[in-house]
Amino acid sequence: MPTDTASGRTRTEEFKLEGGKVLDKIKELIHQGNIRRIILKNEEGKTLIEIPLTLGLVGAALLPIFAAVGALAAVLTRMVIVVEKTEEP
């Protein structure tokens, strides 16, 4: 659902994925570059982890995020990824 913020419009998207595909999808989303936040939820909708992303977050800074997502994906069979994107005005 789109909302307006001081820095432009924000919209969210949801992806329901099997555990093994979550990490690949997270990497793909981060490389898109217009992501403000990624929220991982279980099938019941409970938030497991929120990952705020900043413009300067690259390379080695992403390793702990990938490790946390990989650990969650190994335990859970299905997860919901909620992506908050910023669109320029």
Protein backbone atom coordinates (compact mmCIF):
# COMPACT_ATOMS: atom_id res chain seq x y z
CA MET A 1 0.00 0.00 0.00
CA PRO A 2 1.59 3.31 -1.06
CA THR A 3 2.11 6.06 1.52
CA ASP A 4 3.75 9.48 1.24
CA THR A 5 6.82 10.38 3.28
CA ALA A 6 9.12 13.39 3.32
CA SER A 7 11.55 11.56 1.04
CA GLY A 8 8.99 10.32 -1.49
CA ARG A 9 6.40 7.58 -1.78
CA THR A 10 6.72 4.33 0.07
CA ARG A 11 5.07 1.09 -0.96
CA THR A 12 5.19 -2.40 0.43
CA GLU A 13 5.26 -5.78 -1.27
CA GLU A 14 4.93 -9.24 0.23
CA PHE A 15 6.54 -12.46 -0.93
CA LYS A 16 5.69 -15.90 0.50
CA LEU A 17 8.62 -18.24 0.02
CA GLU A 18 9.96 -21.61 1.07
CA GLY A 19 12.81 -21.36 3.59
CA GLY A 20 15.52 -22.31 1.11
CA LYS A 21 14.62 -19.50 -1.30
CA VAL A 22 14.44 -16.69 1.24
CA LEU A 23 18.13 -15.79 1.32
CA ASP A 24 18.38 -15.62 -2.48
CA LYS A 25 15.32 -13.35 -2.61
CA ILE A 26 16.74 -11.07 0.11
CA LYS A 27 20.01 -10.72 -1.84
CA GLU A 28 18.07 -9.95 -5.02
CA LEU A 29 15.98 -7.29 -3.25
CA ILE A 30 18.99 -5.61 -1.66
CA HIS A 31 20.70 -5.32 -5.04
CA GLN A 32 17.67 -3.45 -6.41
CA GLY A 33 18.75 -0.50 -4.28
CA ASN A 34 15.44 1.20 -3.53
CA ILE A 35 14.62 -0.91 -0.45
CA ARG A 36 14.19 0.92 2.88
CA ARG A 37 13.33 -2.04 5.07
CA ILE A 38 12.85 -5.79 4.89
CA ILE A 39 10.67 -7.57 7.43
CA LEU A 40 10.66 -11.34 7.80
CA LYS A 41 7.55 -12.93 9.27
CA ASN A 42 6.46 -16.47 9.96
CA GLU A 43 3.34 -17.97 8.38
CA GLU A 44 1.17 -16.67 11.23
CA GLY A 45 2.29 -13.09 10.58
CA LYS A 46 4.57 -12.71 13.60
CA THR A 47 7.57 -10.49 12.86
CA LEU A 48 10.83 -12.39 13.28
CA ILE A 49 13.34 -9.78 12.16
CA GLU A 50 13.28 -6.25 10.73
CA ILE A 51 16.21 -5.15 8.59
CA PRO A 52 16.47 -1.41 8.01
CA LEU A 53 18.61 -0.69 4.96
CA THR A 54 20.55 2.50 4.41
CA LEU A 55 22.18 3.80 1.25
CA GLY A 56 25.71 3.01 2.45
CA LEU A 57 25.00 -0.58 3.50
CA VAL A 58 27.09 -2.77 1.21
CA GLY A 59 29.62 -5.59 1.19
CA ALA A 60 30.82 -6.85 4.56
CA ALA A 61 28.10 -4.92 6.42
CA LEU A 62 25.54 -7.29 4.88
CA LEU A 63 27.20 -10.50 6.14
CA PRO A 64 25.53 -10.49 9.59
CA ILE A 65 22.17 -9.89 7.92
CA PHE A 66 22.67 -12.81 5.54
CA ALA A 67 23.76 -15.03 8.46
CA ALA A 68 20.63 -14.17 10.46
CA VAL A 69 18.33 -14.72 7.48
CA GLY A 70 20.06 -18.01 6.67
CA ALA A 71 19.59 -19.23 10.24
CA LEU A 72 15.89 -18.38 10.21
CA ALA A 73 15.40 -19.98 6.80
CA ALA A 74 17.03 -23.19 8.03
CA VAL A 75 14.53 -23.46 10.89
CA LEU A 76 11.33 -22.36 9.19
CA THR A 77 9.75 -24.02 6.17
CA ARG A 78 7.87 -20.94 4.95
CA MET A 79 8.38 -17.26 5.51
CA VAL A 80 6.80 -14.02 4.40
CA ILE A 81 9.08 -11.21 3.25
CA VAL A 82 7.59 -7.74 3.53
CA VAL A 83 9.56 -5.18 1.53
CA GLU A 84 9.24 -1.44 2.03
CA LYS A 85 10.39 0.41 -1.09
CA THR A 86 10.95 4.10 -1.67
CA GLU A 87 9.86 5.65 -4.93
CA GLU A 88 11.20 9.05 -5.92
CA PRO A 89 8.55 11.81 -6.09
